[in-house]
Amino acid sequence: MSKLNVAGANAEQIEFWNGEAARSWTDYQEQLDALLQPLSKAVVDRAAVSRGERVLDVGCGCGQTSLDLAAAGSRVTGVDISEPMLARATQRAAATQHDAQFVLADASTHTFEREFDVLFSRFGVMFFADPIAAFTNLHRALKPAGRLAFLCWQHVKVNPWMAVPMAAARPHLPEQPAAVDPRAPGPFAFADVDYVREILARAGFSDVVVDDVGAELELGDSVDAAVNFVCRVGPLSRPLAQIDADMRKRVMAAVRDTLVQHAKAGVVRLGAKCWLVTARA
């Protein structure tokens, strides 16, 4: 697997997803896939891939959605900027009979052959520095009758599974910088559906449909498991990596105290909301 050149507009994302974040997501791959399964099923079902169709899975990570799509008989190419996560995806695919291959590349600029019937993503398209240019590039990978299906997060305020631990941690973290552009690359960059529609229209897509999808997500089968998960993989992972051990302990204790209040029979479940977006090439 060739190395990515860490330069250009997406350099920060490439560096981040090949560092500690990638190790955490790989370590928690099974739990993360189980957590997201209800949402994954919604977008896989909506994509409705057929046997023999070519699918490009953008931001495929450790490969779960690529394998789900390939299980329907489609031929899947998963693309991601994270080498550690793609190594796990390749390892998992080798243990199956599914037609799934993986490419280490920046999907926003990589030159794809115009051979795909479906452009797909589960929470992998909100991190582009220039989303219009990125989707224009991905549009070129689709056949003339191709289609698009992806999931993106709604605003953090309607995603308690992220908002609740973030609120618990905030008083114990260093003062945060002034609010960033809500459309800056990140998990909530596509919270505004009008913005999403504008991006896709300018990139050449048509017949854009946006549906509201929600689910209760199980963060862990115990409070401690839930705390470790949200602090290693969730939105707290980045700020926690930038503080000392004592402060980290205080943050995790505060998060634990909050998540205890949401546990039922020891299991922590919180709500999630996302947009399911479909379009035509």
C-alpha atoms as a PDB file:
ATOM      1  CA  MET A   1       0.000   0.000   0.000  1.00  0.00           C
ATOM      2  CA  SER A   2       1.643   3.236  -1.148  1.00  0.00           C
ATOM      3  CA  LYS A   3       2.107   6.145   1.255  1.00  0.00           C
ATOM      4  CA  LEU A   4      -0.002   9.278   1.003  1.00  0.00           C
ATOM      5  CA  ASN A   5       1.753  12.561   0.449  1.00  0.00           C
ATOM      6  CA  VAL A   6       0.899  14.639   3.525  1.00  0.00           C
ATOM      7  CA  ALA A   7       0.475  17.954   1.756  1.00  0.00           C
ATOM      8  CA  GLY A   8      -2.242  20.074   0.255  1.00  0.00           C
ATOM      9  CA  ALA A   9      -5.632  21.163   1.526  1.00  0.00           C
ATOM     10  CA  ASN A  10      -6.421  17.927   3.385  1.00  0.00           C
ATOM     11  CA  ALA A  11      -2.987  17.548   5.016  1.00  0.00           C
ATOM     12  CA  GLU A  12      -4.344  18.029   8.547  1.00  0.00           C
ATOM     13  CA  GLN A  13      -6.967  15.319   8.080  1.00  0.00           C
ATOM     14  CA  ILE A  14      -4.419  12.919   6.574  1.00  0.00           C
ATOM     15  CA  GLU A  15      -2.076  13.428   9.512  1.00  0.00           C
ATOM     16  CA  PHE A  16      -4.875  13.055  12.069  1.00  0.00           C
ATOM     17  CA  TRP A  17      -6.289   9.831  10.582  1.00  0.00           C
ATOM     18  CA  ASN A  18      -2.867   8.206  10.456  1.00  0.00           C
ATOM     19  CA  GLY A  19      -2.016   8.968  14.073  1.00  0.00           C
ATOM     20  CA  GLU A  20      -3.548   8.080  17.430  1.00  0.00           C
ATOM     21  CA  ALA A  21      -7.088   8.470  16.058  1.00  0.00           C
ATOM     22  CA  ALA A  22      -6.520   5.642  13.593  1.00  0.00           C
ATOM     23  CA  ARG A  23      -5.158   3.389  16.320  1.00  0.00           C
ATOM     24  CA  SER A  24      -8.166   4.107  18.530  1.00  0.00           C
ATOM     25  CA  TRP A  25     -10.685   3.513  15.743  1.00  0.00           C
ATOM     26  CA  THR A  26      -8.931   0.277  14.817  1.00  0.00           C
ATOM     27  CA  ASP A  27      -8.889  -0.872  18.452  1.00  0.00           C
ATOM     28  CA  TYR A  28     -12.599  -0.078  18.800  1.00  0.00           C
ATOM     29  CA  GLN A  29     -13.605  -1.280  15.326  1.00  0.00           C
ATOM     30  CA  GLU A  30     -15.974  -4.018  16.507  1.00  0.00           C
ATOM     31  CA  GLN A  31     -17.693  -1.796  19.071  1.00  0.00           C
ATOM     32  CA  LEU A  32     -17.950   1.102  16.626  1.00  0.00           C
ATOM     33  CA  ASP A  33     -19.490  -1.061  13.904  1.00  0.00           C
ATOM     34  CA  ALA A  34     -21.992  -2.489  16.394  1.00  0.00           C
ATOM     35  CA  LEU A  35     -22.835   1.023  17.616  1.00  0.00           C
ATOM     36  CA  LEU A  36     -23.471   2.334  14.095  1.00  0.00           C
ATOM     37  CA  GLN A  37     -25.213  -0.775  12.762  1.00  0.00           C
ATOM     38  CA  PRO A  38     -28.768   0.670  12.830  1.00  0.00           C
ATOM     39  CA  LEU A  39     -27.636   3.716  10.862  1.00  0.00           C
ATOM     40  CA  SER A  40     -25.408   1.690   8.545  1.00  0.00           C
ATOM     41  CA  LYS A  41     -28.309  -0.584   7.666  1.00  0.00           C
ATOM     42  CA  ALA A  42     -30.448   2.408   6.719  1.00  0.00           C
ATOM     43  CA  VAL A  43     -27.987   3.743   4.165  1.00  0.00           C
ATOM     44  CA  VAL A  44     -26.941   0.320   2.832  1.00  0.00           C
ATOM     45  CA  ASP A  45     -30.608  -0.531   2.289  1.00  0.00           C
ATOM     46  CA  ARG A  46     -31.217   2.812   0.576  1.00  0.00           C
ATOM     47  CA  ALA A  47     -28.225   2.320  -1.734  1.00  0.00           C
ATOM     48  CA  ALA A  48     -29.926  -0.907  -2.888  1.00  0.00           C
ATOM     49  CA  VAL A  49     -26.875  -2.255  -4.689  1.00  0.00           C
ATOM     50  CA  SER A  50     -27.380  -5.092  -7.145  1.00  0.00           C
ATOM     51  CA  ARG A  51     -25.183  -8.049  -7.969  1.00  0.00           C
ATOM     52  CA  GLY A  52     -22.340  -7.005 -10.246  1.00  0.00           C
ATOM     53  CA  GLU A  53     -22.636  -3.261  -9.631  1.00  0.00           C
ATOM     54  CA  ARG A  54     -19.449  -1.307  -8.947  1.00  0.00           C
ATOM     55  CA  VAL A  55     -19.497   0.663  -5.682  1.00  0.00           C
ATOM     56  CA  LEU A  56     -17.060   3.314  -4.432  1.00  0.00           C
ATOM     57  CA  ASP A  57     -17.149   3.483  -0.606  1.00  0.00           C
ATOM     58  CA  VAL A  58     -15.662   6.835   0.439  1.00  0.00           C
ATOM     59  CA  GLY A  59     -14.080   7.039   3.886  1.00  0.00           C
ATOM     60  CA  CYS A  60     -14.516   3.292   4.313  1.00  0.00           C
ATOM     61  CA  GLY A  61     -12.359   3.095   7.442  1.00  0.00           C
ATOM     62  CA  CYS A  62     -11.972  -0.458   8.725  1.00  0.00           C
ATOM     63  CA  GLY A  63     -14.198  -1.765   5.956  1.00  0.00           C
ATOM     64  CA  GLN A  64     -17.510  -2.756   7.542  1.00  0.00           C
ATOM     65  CA  THR A  65     -19.743  -0.973   5.041  1.00  0.00           C
ATOM     66  CA  SER A  66     -17.595  -2.148   2.130  1.00  0.00           C
ATOM     67  CA  LEU A  67     -18.090  -5.739   3.257  1.00  0.00           C
ATOM     68  CA  ASP A  68     -21.819  -5.186   3.818  1.00  0.00           C
ATOM     69  CA  LEU A  69     -22.178  -3.851   0.278  1.00  0.00           C
ATOM     70  CA  ALA A  70     -20.038  -6.613  -1.210  1.00  0.00           C
ATOM     71  CA  ALA A  71     -22.164  -9.229   0.570  1.00  0.00           C
ATOM     72  CA  ALA A  72     -24.967  -8.260  -1.827  1.00  0.00           C
ATOM     73  CA  GLY A  73     -22.779  -9.351  -4.732  1.00  0.00           C
ATOM     74  CA  SER A  74     -21.484  -5.928  -5.730  1.00  0.00           C
ATOM     75  CA  ARG A  75     -17.841  -5.160  -6.506  1.00  0.00           C
ATOM     76  CA  VAL A  76     -16.636  -2.641  -3.939  1.00  0.00           C
ATOM     77  CA  THR A  77     -13.651  -0.323  -3.882  1.00  0.00           C
ATOM     78  CA  GLY A  78     -13.140   1.243  -0.469  1.00  0.00           C
ATOM     79  CA  VAL A  79     -11.054   4.412  -0.320  1.00  0.00           C
ATOM     80  CA  ASP A  80      -9.661   6.106   2.778  1.00  0.00           C
ATOM     81  CA  ILE A  81      -6.750   8.298   3.875  1.00  0.00           C
ATOM     82  CA  SER A  82      -6.019   6.136   6.949  1.00  0.00           C
ATOM     83  CA  GLU A  83      -3.385   3.482   6.326  1.00  0.00           C
ATOM     84  CA  PRO A  84      -3.902   1.669   9.678  1.00  0.00           C
ATOM     85  CA  MET A  85      -7.654   1.440   9.139  1.00  0.00           C
ATOM     86  CA  LEU A  86      -7.259   0.202   5.571  1.00  0.00           C
ATOM     87  CA  ALA A  87      -4.834  -2.453   6.792  1.00  0.00           C
ATOM     88  CA  ARG A  88      -7.598  -3.718   9.090  1.00  0.00           C
ATOM     89  CA  ALA A  89     -10.131  -3.541   6.233  1.00  0.00           C
ATOM     90  CA  THR A  90      -7.864  -5.556   3.938  1.00  0.00           C
ATOM     91  CA  GLN A  91      -7.311  -8.148   6.664  1.00  0.00           C
ATOM     92  CA  ARG A  92     -11.052  -8.488   7.236  1.00  0.00           C
ATOM     93  CA  ALA A  93     -11.844  -8.774   3.533  1.00  0.00           C
ATOM     94  CA  ALA A  94      -9.271 -11.539   3.112  1.00  0.00           C
ATOM     95  CA  ALA A  95     -11.261 -13.651   5.575  1.00  0.00           C
ATOM     96  CA  THR A  96     -14.360 -13.458   3.346  1.00  0.00           C
ATOM     97  CA  GLN A  97     -15.295 -14.424  -0.187  1.00  0.00           C
ATOM     98  CA  HIS A  98     -16.553 -10.912  -0.939  1.00  0.00           C
ATOM     99  CA  ASP A  99     -15.292  -8.779  -3.829  1.00  0.00           C
ATOM    100  CA  ALA A 100     -13.876  -5.832  -1.878  1.00  0.00           C
ATOM    101  CA  GLN A 101     -10.585  -4.066  -2.475  1.00  0.00           C
ATOM    102  CA  PHE A 102      -9.118  -1.020  -0.776  1.00  0.00           C
ATOM    103  CA  VAL A 103      -7.203   2.025  -1.965  1.00  0.00           C
ATOM    104  CA  LEU A 104      -5.143   4.428   0.158  1.00  0.00           C
ATOM    105  CA  ALA A 105      -5.969   7.784  -1.409  1.00  0.00           C
ATOM    106  CA  ASP A 106      -7.474  11.212  -0.858  1.00  0.00           C
ATOM    107  CA  ALA A 107     -10.875  10.763  -2.492  1.00  0.00           C
ATOM    108  CA  SER A 108     -11.196  14.515  -3.026  1.00  0.00           C
ATOM    109  CA  THR A 109      -8.346  14.582  -5.550  1.00  0.00           C
ATOM    110  CA  HIS A 110      -7.643  10.975  -6.572  1.00  0.00           C
ATOM    111  CA  THR A 111      -8.259  10.198 -10.237  1.00  0.00           C
ATOM    112  CA  PHE A 112     -10.825   7.391 -10.416  1.00  0.00           C
ATOM    113  CA  GLU A 113     -11.903   5.598 -13.543  1.00  0.00           C
ATOM    114  CA  ARG A 114     -15.471   6.462 -14.575  1.00  0.00           C
ATOM    115  CA  GLU A 115     -16.671   2.959 -13.743  1.00  0.00           C
ATOM    116  CA  PHE A 116     -18.844   3.144 -10.638  1.00  0.00           C
ATOM    117  CA  ASP A 117     -22.596   2.649 -10.428  1.00  0.00           C
ATOM    118  CA  VAL A 118     -22.862   3.817  -6.815  1.00  0.00           C
ATOM    119  CA  LEU A 119     -21.004   6.398  -4.742  1.00  0.00           C
ATOM    120  CA  PHE A 120     -21.479   5.504  -1.059  1.00  0.00           C
ATOM    121  CA  SER A 121     -20.327   6.771   2.319  1.00  0.00           C
ATOM    122  CA  ARG A 122     -21.119   6.252   5.986  1.00  0.00           C
ATOM    123  CA  PHE A 123     -19.947   9.423   7.727  1.00  0.00           C
ATOM    124  CA  GLY A 124     -16.903   9.797   5.470  1.00  0.00           C
ATOM    125  CA  VAL A 125     -17.611  12.867   3.337  1.00  0.00           C
ATOM    126  CA  MET A 126     -17.763  15.715   5.881  1.00  0.00           C
ATOM    127  CA  PHE A 127     -14.005  16.190   6.178  1.00  0.00           C
ATOM    128  CA  PHE A 128     -13.077  17.657   2.790  1.00  0.00           C
ATOM    129  CA  ALA A 129     -11.323  21.035   2.813  1.00  0.00           C
ATOM    130  CA  ASP A 130     -13.152  21.923  -0.414  1.00  0.00           C
ATOM    131  CA  PRO A 131     -16.346  19.838  -0.552  1.00  0.00           C
ATOM    132  CA  ILE A 132     -17.538  21.201  -3.894  1.00  0.00           C
ATOM    133  CA  ALA A 133     -14.251  20.282  -5.568  1.00  0.00           C
ATOM    134  CA  ALA A 134     -14.271  16.908  -3.796  1.00  0.00           C
ATOM    135  CA  PHE A 135     -17.789  15.986  -4.899  1.00  0.00           C
ATOM    136  CA  THR A 136     -17.068  17.253  -8.408  1.00  0.00           C
ATOM    137  CA  ASN A 137     -14.125  14.861  -8.500  1.00  0.00           C
ATOM    138  CA  LEU A 138     -16.242  11.994  -7.157  1.00  0.00           C
ATOM    139  CA  HIS A 139     -19.016  12.788  -9.641  1.00  0.00           C
ATOM    140  CA  ARG A 140     -16.508  12.024 -12.408  1.00  0.00           C
ATOM    141  CA  ALA A 141     -16.124   8.501 -11.006  1.00  0.00           C
ATOM    142  CA  LEU A 142     -19.809   7.715 -11.574  1.00  0.00           C
ATOM    143  CA  LYS A 143     -21.276   6.305 -14.743  1.00  0.00           C
ATOM    144  CA  PRO A 144     -23.861   8.596 -16.405  1.00  0.00           C
ATOM    145  CA  ALA A 145     -26.744   6.771 -14.687  1.00  0.00           C
ATOM    146  CA  GLY A 146     -24.888   6.467 -11.385  1.00  0.00           C
ATOM    147  CA  ARG A 147     -26.316   7.294  -7.983  1.00  0.00           C
ATOM    148  CA  LEU A 148     -25.149   8.584  -4.618  1.00  0.00           C
ATOM    149  CA  ALA A 149     -26.063   7.555  -1.052  1.00  0.00           C
ATOM    150  CA  PHE A 150     -24.387   8.786   2.117  1.00  0.00           C
ATOM    151  CA  LEU A 151     -24.937   9.489   5.810  1.00  0.00           C
ATOM    152  CA  CYS A 152     -23.796  12.637   7.600  1.00  0.00           C
ATOM    153  CA  TRP A 153     -24.417  13.860  11.137  1.00  0.00           C
ATOM    154  CA  GLN A 154     -27.043  16.439  12.006  1.00  0.00           C
ATOM    155  CA  HIS A 155     -26.152  19.226  14.448  1.00  0.00           C
ATOM    156  CA  VAL A 156     -24.414  18.162  17.648  1.00  0.00           C
ATOM    157  CA  LYS A 157     -27.310  19.514  19.741  1.00  0.00           C
ATOM    158  CA  VAL A 158     -29.588  16.748  18.376  1.00  0.00           C
ATOM    159  CA  ASN A 159     -26.906  14.092  18.889  1.00  0.00           C
ATOM    160  CA  PRO A 160     -26.886  13.415  22.643  1.00  0.00           C
ATOM    161  CA  TRP A 161     -24.496  10.491  22.182  1.00  0.00           C
ATOM    162  CA  MET A 162     -21.844  13.123  21.431  1.00  0.00           C
ATOM    163  CA  ALA A 163     -23.299  16.246  23.058  1.00  0.00           C
ATOM    164  CA  VAL A 164     -23.808  14.753  26.537  1.00  0.00           C
ATOM    165  CA  PRO A 165     -20.192  13.639  27.154  1.00  0.00           C
ATOM    166  CA  MET A 166     -18.889  16.839  25.544  1.00  0.00           C
ATOM    167  CA  ALA A 167     -20.970  18.974  27.920  1.00  0.00           C
ATOM    168  CA  ALA A 168     -19.752  16.967  30.917  1.00  0.00           C
ATOM    169  CA  ALA A 169     -16.123  17.389  29.899  1.00  0.00           C
ATOM    170  CA  ARG A 170     -16.191  21.063  28.917  1.00  0.00           C
ATOM    171  CA  PRO A 171     -15.820  22.638  32.411  1.00  0.00           C
ATOM    172  CA  HIS A 172     -12.693  20.552  33.025  1.00  0.00           C
ATOM    173  CA  LEU A 173     -10.921  21.293  29.739  1.00  0.00           C
ATOM    174  CA  PRO A 174      -8.705  24.291  28.951  1.00  0.00           C
ATOM    175  CA  GLU A 175     -10.520  27.288  27.542  1.00  0.00           C
ATOM    176  CA  GLN A 176     -11.511  26.529  23.985  1.00  0.00           C
ATOM    177  CA  PRO A 177     -10.744  28.849  21.056  1.00  0.00           C
ATOM    178  CA  ALA A 178     -13.475  30.998  19.574  1.00  0.00           C
ATOM    179  CA  ALA A 179     -16.163  29.125  17.690  1.00  0.00           C
ATOM    180  CA  VAL A 180     -14.965  27.779  14.372  1.00  0.00           C
ATOM    181  CA  ASP A 181     -16.846  27.895  11.101  1.00  0.00           C
ATOM    182  CA  PRO A 182     -19.667  25.317  11.486  1.00  0.00           C
ATOM    183  CA  ARG A 183     -18.957  24.252   7.898  1.00  0.00           C
ATOM    184  CA  ALA A 184     -15.261  23.609   8.544  1.00  0.00           C
ATOM    185  CA  PRO A 185     -14.160  19.997   7.948  1.00  0.00           C
ATOM    186  CA  GLY A 186     -15.444  17.850  10.790  1.00  0.00           C
ATOM    187  CA  PRO A 187     -18.272  15.536  11.829  1.00  0.00           C
ATOM    188  CA  PHE A 188     -20.939  18.279  11.797  1.00  0.00           C
ATOM    189  CA  ALA A 189     -19.879  20.123   8.633  1.00  0.00           C
ATOM    190  CA  PHE A 190     -22.984  18.906   6.761  1.00  0.00           C
ATOM    191  CA  ALA A 191     -25.533  19.614   9.503  1.00  0.00           C
ATOM    192  CA  ASP A 192     -27.156  22.306   7.316  1.00  0.00           C
ATOM    193  CA  VAL A 193     -29.105  20.461   4.608  1.00  0.00           C
ATOM    194  CA  ASP A 194     -29.355  23.547   2.390  1.00  0.00           C
ATOM    195  CA  TYR A 195     -25.562  23.632   2.339  1.00  0.00           C
ATOM    196  CA  VAL A 196     -25.461  19.946   1.397  1.00  0.00           C
ATOM    197  CA  ARG A 197     -27.920  20.520  -1.437  1.00  0.00           C
ATOM    198  CA  GLU A 198     -25.841  23.447  -2.704  1.00  0.00           C
ATOM    199  CA  ILE A 199     -22.635  21.383  -2.686  1.00  0.00           C
ATOM    200  CA  LEU A 200     -24.194  18.521  -4.599  1.00  0.00           C
ATOM    201  CA  ALA A 201     -25.905  20.759  -7.147  1.00  0.00           C
ATOM    202  CA  ARG A 202     -22.693  22.643  -7.864  1.00  0.00           C
ATOM    203  CA  ALA A 203     -20.821  19.341  -8.161  1.00  0.00           C
ATOM    204  CA  GLY A 204     -23.204  18.143 -10.874  1.00  0.00           C
ATOM    205  CA  PHE A 205     -25.656  15.946  -8.958  1.00  0.00           C
ATOM    206  CA  SER A 206     -29.430  16.070  -9.398  1.00  0.00           C
ATOM    207  CA  ASP A 207     -32.580  14.693  -7.745  1.00  0.00           C
ATOM    208  CA  VAL A 208     -31.161  15.296  -4.264  1.00  0.00           C
ATOM    209  CA  VAL A 209     -33.279  13.795  -1.466  1.00  0.00           C
ATOM    210  CA  VAL A 210     -32.475  14.274   2.231  1.00  0.00           C
ATOM    211  CA  ASP A 211     -34.177  12.118   4.865  1.00  0.00           C
ATOM    212  CA  ASP A 212     -34.077  12.398   8.650  1.00  0.00           C
ATOM    213  CA  VAL A 213     -32.735   9.213  10.266  1.00  0.00           C
ATOM    214  CA  GLY A 214     -32.380   8.567  13.987  1.00  0.00           C
ATOM    215  CA  ALA A 215     -31.526   5.755  16.384  1.00  0.00           C
ATOM    216  CA  GLU A 216     -30.656   4.997  19.983  1.00  0.00           C
ATOM    217  CA  LEU A 217     -26.978   4.032  20.072  1.00  0.00           C
ATOM    218  CA  GLU A 218     -25.455   1.712  22.663  1.00  0.00           C
ATOM    219  CA  LEU A 219     -22.217   3.327  23.832  1.00  0.00           C
ATOM    220  CA  GLY A 220     -21.162   0.376  25.936  1.00  0.00           C
ATOM    221  CA  ASP A 221     -22.398  -2.626  27.874  1.00  0.00           C
ATOM    222  CA  SER A 222     -21.160  -0.953  31.055  1.00  0.00           C
ATOM    223  CA  VAL A 223     -20.628   2.636  32.155  1.00  0.00           C
ATOM    224  CA  ASP A 224     -16.848   2.224  32.154  1.00  0.00           C
ATOM    225  CA  ALA A 225     -16.934   0.776  28.630  1.00  0.00           C
ATOM    226  CA  ALA A 226     -19.027   3.731  27.486  1.00  0.00           C
ATOM    227  CA  VAL A 227     -16.623   6.228  29.075  1.00  0.00           C
ATOM    228  CA  ASN A 228     -13.610   4.623  27.424  1.00  0.00           C
ATOM    229  CA  PHE A 229     -15.390   4.566  24.084  1.00  0.00           C
ATOM    230  CA  VAL A 230     -16.477   8.220  23.999  1.00  0.00           C
ATOM    231  CA  CYS A 231     -13.054   9.351  25.219  1.00  0.00           C
ATOM    232  CA  ARG A 232     -11.051   7.258  22.748  1.00  0.00           C
ATOM    233  CA  VAL A 233     -13.216   7.377  19.621  1.00  0.00           C
ATOM    234  CA  GLY A 234     -15.798  10.123  20.095  1.00  0.00           C
ATOM    235  CA  PRO A 235     -15.394  13.903  19.818  1.00  0.00           C
ATOM    236  CA  LEU A 236     -13.499  14.005  23.131  1.00  0.00           C
ATOM    237  CA  SER A 237     -10.584  12.026  21.710  1.00  0.00           C
ATOM    238  CA  ARG A 238      -8.904  15.076  20.198  1.00  0.00           C
ATOM    239  CA  PRO A 239      -9.019  17.422  23.231  1.00  0.00           C
ATOM    240  CA  LEU A 240      -8.071  14.594  25.607  1.00  0.00           C
ATOM    241  CA  ALA A 241      -4.954  13.892  23.558  1.00  0.00           C
ATOM    242  CA  GLN A 242      -3.813  17.471  24.170  1.00  0.00           C
ATOM    243  CA  ILE A 243      -3.979  17.546  27.997  1.00  0.00           C
ATOM    244  CA  ASP A 244      -1.924  16.007  30.798  1.00  0.00           C
ATOM    245  CA  ALA A 245      -2.772  12.792  32.635  1.00  0.00           C
ATOM    246  CA  ASP A 246      -4.224  14.478  35.738  1.00  0.00           C
ATOM    247  CA  MET A 247      -6.594  16.647  33.730  1.00  0.00           C
ATOM    248  CA  ARG A 248      -7.542  13.633  31.622  1.00  0.00           C
ATOM    249  CA  LYS A 249      -8.531  11.728  34.759  1.00  0.00           C
ATOM    250  CA  ARG A 250     -10.734  14.615  35.914  1.00  0.00           C
ATOM    251  CA  VAL A 251     -12.440  14.817  32.540  1.00  0.00           C
ATOM    252  CA  MET A 252     -13.093  11.086  32.408  1.00  0.00           C
ATOM    253  CA  ALA A 253     -14.459  11.128  35.968  1.00  0.00           C
ATOM    254  CA  ALA A 254     -16.873  13.924  35.035  1.00  0.00           C
ATOM    255  CA  VAL A 255     -17.974  12.051  31.918  1.00  0.00           C
ATOM    256  CA  ARG A 256     -18.505   8.913  33.985  1.00  0.00           C
ATOM    257  CA  ASP A 257     -20.637  10.773  36.536  1.00  0.00           C
ATOM    258  CA  THR A 258     -22.853  12.005  33.703  1.00  0.00           C
ATOM    259  CA  LEU A 259     -23.135   8.723  31.808  1.00  0.00           C
ATOM    260  CA  VAL A 260     -24.129   6.895  35.000  1.00  0.00           C
ATOM    261  CA  GLN A 261     -27.317   8.965  34.921  1.00  0.00           C
ATOM    262  CA  HIS A 262     -28.129   7.611  31.443  1.00  0.00           C
ATOM    263  CA  ALA A 263     -27.416   3.949  32.195  1.00  0.00           C
ATOM    264  CA  LYS A 264     -30.198   1.390  32.391  1.00  0.00           C
ATOM    265  CA  ALA A 265     -29.203  -2.010  33.762  1.00  0.00           C
ATOM    266  CA  GLY A 266     -25.624  -0.848  33.281  1.00  0.00           C
ATOM    267  CA  VAL A 267     -26.027  -0.164  29.555  1.00  0.00           C
ATOM    268  CA  VAL A 268     -25.603   3.383  28.244  1.00  0.00           C
ATOM    269  CA  ARG A 269     -27.781   4.351  25.284  1.00  0.00           C
ATOM    270  CA  LEU A 270     -28.143   7.832  23.831  1.00  0.00           C
ATOM    271  CA  GLY A 271     -29.860   9.231  20.765  1.00  0.00           C
ATOM    272  CA  ALA A 272     -28.309   9.998  17.395  1.00  0.00           C
ATOM    273  CA  LYS A 273     -29.614  11.939  14.400  1.00  0.00           C
ATOM    274  CA  CYS A 274     -28.227  12.045  10.883  1.00  0.00           C
ATOM    275  CA  TRP A 275     -29.159  12.909   7.325  1.00  0.00           C
ATOM    276  CA  LEU A 276     -29.490  10.190   4.711  1.00  0.00           C
ATOM    277  CA  VAL A 277     -28.703  11.839   1.391  1.00  0.00           C
ATOM    278  CA  THR A 278     -29.336  10.383  -2.057  1.00  0.00           C
ATOM    279  CA  ALA A 279     -28.837  11.867  -5.512  1.00  0.00           C
ATOM    280  CA  ARG A 280     -28.313  11.067  -9.181  1.00  0.00           C
ATOM    281  CA  ALA A 281     -25.243  11.720 -11.301  1.00  0.00           C
END
